[in-house]
Amino acid sequence: MPNPFPTIDPKQLVPYGKIRRTHGNQGEVSITLVSPVLEELDPEFLFLLIDEIPVPYRVAGIRGKGEQFIVGFEGIENLSDAEQLVGLQVQIHQGELSEDSGDFQITLRGYQLQHAQGAIIGRIADIDSSTANILILVERPNQSAVAIPLVEQWIVAIDRDNQIITMDFPLQLLDL
């Protein structure tokens, strides 16, 4: 089957995870997902960010639970090929997301962040899943940027119509 994504708009991709290590000697890799809601998906393609360019790879097999999955890609058949993928960010096309997986952790890019006390903090420019804690990277009106941990308990409301997420986080984070 030909690649259904000959040209892809990066805005149609959302974070899926990161390749942490190889698994076995058959070309499989271990991926840490950015959100447990993604574990229910059975994607046909995943996009690996190679030199900041999303490259589609057809998924040959996927298994796991929680936020750790073992994935095999077509064309990656040995340990040497798989080693070249370690450390790469993985994205998924938003068309492969189910209604339930349209969760806040993967759809926030472009939303305004508002503190529970009412102040608009800024616009969410990106989601960083490269650390143990997922961070939202917020561009402030004064052109500075701040990273806020994406803690589910801090989320007060999500207004999808107006693209505003309201969070109750310690304001001291803005000074770091």
Protein backbone atom coordinates (compact mmCIF):
# COMPACT_ATOMS: atom_id res chain seq x y z
CA MET A 1 0.00 0.00 0.00
CA PRO A 2 1.42 3.43 -0.91
CA ASN A 3 2.07 6.11 1.68
CA PRO A 4 -1.22 8.00 2.23
CA PHE A 5 0.79 11.01 3.49
CA PRO A 6 2.98 12.09 0.51
CA THR A 7 3.11 15.60 1.93
CA ILE A 8 2.11 16.31 5.47
CA ASP A 9 1.27 19.51 7.26
CA PRO A 10 3.09 19.34 10.63
CA LYS A 11 0.03 20.97 12.20
CA GLN A 12 -1.87 17.73 11.48
CA LEU A 13 0.52 15.80 13.71
CA VAL A 14 0.34 15.50 17.47
CA PRO A 15 2.89 14.13 19.95
CA TYR A 16 2.71 10.37 20.44
CA GLY A 17 5.88 9.54 22.36
CA LYS A 18 9.62 9.06 22.23
CA ILE A 19 11.75 6.11 21.21
CA ARG A 20 13.68 5.21 24.35
CA ARG A 21 15.65 2.11 23.33
CA THR A 22 15.83 -0.87 21.06
CA HIS A 23 14.02 -4.10 21.93
CA GLY A 24 15.53 -7.41 20.88
CA ASN A 25 17.42 -7.91 17.66
CA GLN A 26 14.53 -7.90 15.16
CA GLY A 27 14.39 -4.12 14.73
CA GLU A 28 11.76 -3.34 17.35
CA VAL A 29 11.92 -0.27 19.58
CA SER A 30 10.47 0.73 22.95
CA ILE A 31 8.33 3.87 22.86
CA THR A 32 7.20 5.87 25.90
CA LEU A 33 3.82 7.43 25.15
CA VAL A 34 3.02 11.04 26.06
CA SER A 35 -0.39 10.00 27.39
CA PRO A 36 -1.99 6.76 28.53
CA VAL A 37 -5.07 7.60 26.41
CA LEU A 38 -2.98 6.75 23.35
CA GLU A 39 -2.52 3.12 24.40
CA GLU A 40 -5.93 2.24 22.93
CA LEU A 41 -4.85 3.25 19.43
CA ASP A 42 -3.66 0.85 16.75
CA PRO A 43 -1.96 3.28 14.34
CA GLU A 44 -1.19 2.35 10.77
CA PHE A 45 1.55 5.00 10.55
CA LEU A 46 3.72 6.83 13.06
CA PHE A 47 5.86 9.83 12.17
CA LEU A 48 9.44 10.00 13.39
CA LEU A 49 11.00 13.46 13.60
CA ILE A 50 14.28 13.12 11.74
CA ASP A 51 16.15 16.43 11.51
CA GLU A 52 12.85 18.15 12.46
CA ILE A 53 11.12 16.57 9.44
CA PRO A 54 8.21 14.16 10.12
CA VAL A 55 8.95 10.92 8.27
CA PRO A 56 6.09 8.38 8.07
CA TYR A 57 6.81 4.78 9.06
CA ARG A 58 4.23 2.04 8.61
CA VAL A 59 3.67 0.15 11.87
CA ALA A 60 4.35 -3.58 11.40
CA GLY A 61 3.40 -4.50 14.94
CA ILE A 62 2.65 -2.91 18.28
CA ARG A 63 2.20 -4.36 21.75
CA GLY A 64 2.36 -3.20 25.34
CA LYS A 65 0.35 -1.51 28.03
CA GLY A 66 0.44 1.61 30.13
CA GLU A 67 2.80 4.13 28.60
CA GLN A 68 5.45 1.68 27.32
CA PHE A 69 4.99 0.01 23.95
CA ILE A 70 7.13 -2.20 21.74
CA VAL A 71 6.78 -1.17 18.10
CA GLY A 72 8.07 -2.72 14.90
CA PHE A 73 8.22 -0.67 11.71
CA GLU A 74 8.20 -1.98 8.15
CA GLY A 75 11.70 -1.72 6.71
CA ILE A 76 13.39 -1.73 10.15
CA GLU A 77 14.39 -5.36 10.50
CA ASN A 78 17.53 -5.51 12.62
CA LEU A 79 19.19 -4.06 15.68
CA SER A 80 21.49 -1.80 13.66
CA ASP A 81 18.55 -0.10 11.89
CA ALA A 82 16.61 0.25 15.15
CA GLU A 83 19.57 1.83 16.98
CA GLN A 84 19.42 4.78 14.56
CA LEU A 85 15.89 5.57 15.76
CA VAL A 86 16.64 5.76 19.50
CA GLY A 87 15.93 9.21 20.92
CA LEU A 88 13.60 10.33 18.13
CA GLN A 89 10.30 12.03 18.91
CA VAL A 90 7.25 10.18 17.57
CA GLN A 91 4.08 11.82 16.31
CA ILE A 92 0.74 10.54 15.07
CA HIS A 93 -1.61 11.98 12.47
CA GLN A 94 -4.64 13.52 14.15
CA GLY A 95 -6.85 11.51 11.76
CA GLU A 96 -5.79 8.34 13.58
CA LEU A 97 -6.99 9.62 16.94
CA SER A 98 -10.23 8.29 18.31
CA GLU A 99 -12.80 10.60 19.87
CA ASP A 100 -11.66 9.53 23.35
CA SER A 101 -7.98 10.09 22.61
CA GLY A 102 -8.60 13.73 21.70
CA ASP A 103 -7.45 14.26 25.28
CA PHE A 104 -6.04 17.54 26.56
CA GLN A 105 -2.48 16.19 26.61
CA ILE A 106 -2.29 15.94 22.85
CA THR A 107 -4.56 18.71 21.58
CA LEU A 108 -3.43 21.75 23.55
CA ARG A 109 -1.04 23.30 21.05
CA GLY A 110 -2.37 26.78 20.21
CA TYR A 111 -4.63 27.02 23.26
CA GLN A 112 -4.46 30.00 25.63
CA LEU A 113 -3.36 29.13 29.17
CA GLN A 114 -5.36 30.89 31.84
CA HIS A 115 -4.63 30.70 35.55
CA ALA A 116 -7.55 29.82 37.86
CA GLN A 117 -7.32 33.35 39.31
CA GLY A 118 -8.25 34.74 35.87
CA ALA A 119 -4.94 35.95 34.40
CA ILE A 120 -4.08 34.90 30.83
CA ILE A 121 -0.57 33.45 31.00
CA GLY A 122 0.06 33.01 27.27
CA ARG A 123 -0.37 30.71 24.28
CA ILE A 124 0.74 27.07 24.36
CA ALA A 125 3.41 26.80 21.68
CA ASP A 126 4.44 23.19 22.18
CA ILE A 127 4.28 20.11 24.37
CA ASP A 128 7.58 18.66 25.59
CA SER A 129 7.39 14.95 26.27
CA SER A 130 11.16 14.41 26.37
CA THR A 131 11.25 14.47 30.18
CA ALA A 132 9.58 12.26 32.79
CA ASN A 133 6.97 15.01 33.31
CA ILE A 134 5.12 16.34 30.29
CA LEU A 135 5.61 20.10 30.00
CA ILE A 136 3.54 22.67 28.16
CA LEU A 137 5.72 25.41 26.68
CA VAL A 138 3.89 28.71 26.95
CA GLU A 139 4.77 31.87 25.02
CA ARG A 140 4.12 34.86 27.28
CA PRO A 141 2.81 38.22 25.95
CA ASN A 142 6.18 39.81 26.84
CA GLN A 143 7.89 37.39 24.38
CA SER A 144 9.35 35.24 27.15
CA ALA A 145 8.56 31.54 27.43
CA VAL A 146 7.79 29.38 30.43
CA ALA A 147 7.48 25.61 30.90
CA ILE A 148 4.60 24.43 33.08
CA PRO A 149 4.23 20.77 34.09
CA LEU A 150 1.05 19.30 32.65
CA VAL A 151 -0.49 17.91 35.83
CA GLU A 152 -4.01 16.59 35.38
CA GLN A 153 -5.00 17.61 38.92
CA TRP A 154 -4.17 21.26 38.12
CA ILE A 155 -6.63 21.42 35.23
CA VAL A 156 -9.77 23.33 36.19
CA ALA A 157 -11.49 23.62 32.80
CA ILE A 158 -10.94 23.14 29.09
CA ASP A 159 -12.93 25.37 26.76
CA ARG A 160 -12.49 23.70 23.36
CA ASP A 161 -14.71 26.22 21.56
CA ASN A 162 -12.53 29.19 22.62
CA GLN A 163 -9.32 27.13 22.93
CA ILE A 164 -8.63 28.09 26.53
CA ILE A 165 -7.34 25.80 29.25
CA THR A 166 -7.66 26.98 32.83
CA MET A 167 -5.17 25.57 35.34
CA ASP A 168 -4.60 26.12 39.04
CA PHE A 169 -0.82 25.85 39.34
CA PRO A 170 1.63 27.59 41.68
CA LEU A 171 2.26 31.08 40.26
CA GLN A 172 5.89 30.81 41.38
CA LEU A 173 6.47 28.59 38.33
CA LEU A 174 6.24 31.71 36.18
CA ASP A 175 9.33 33.11 37.89
CA LEU A 176 11.62 30.14 37.19
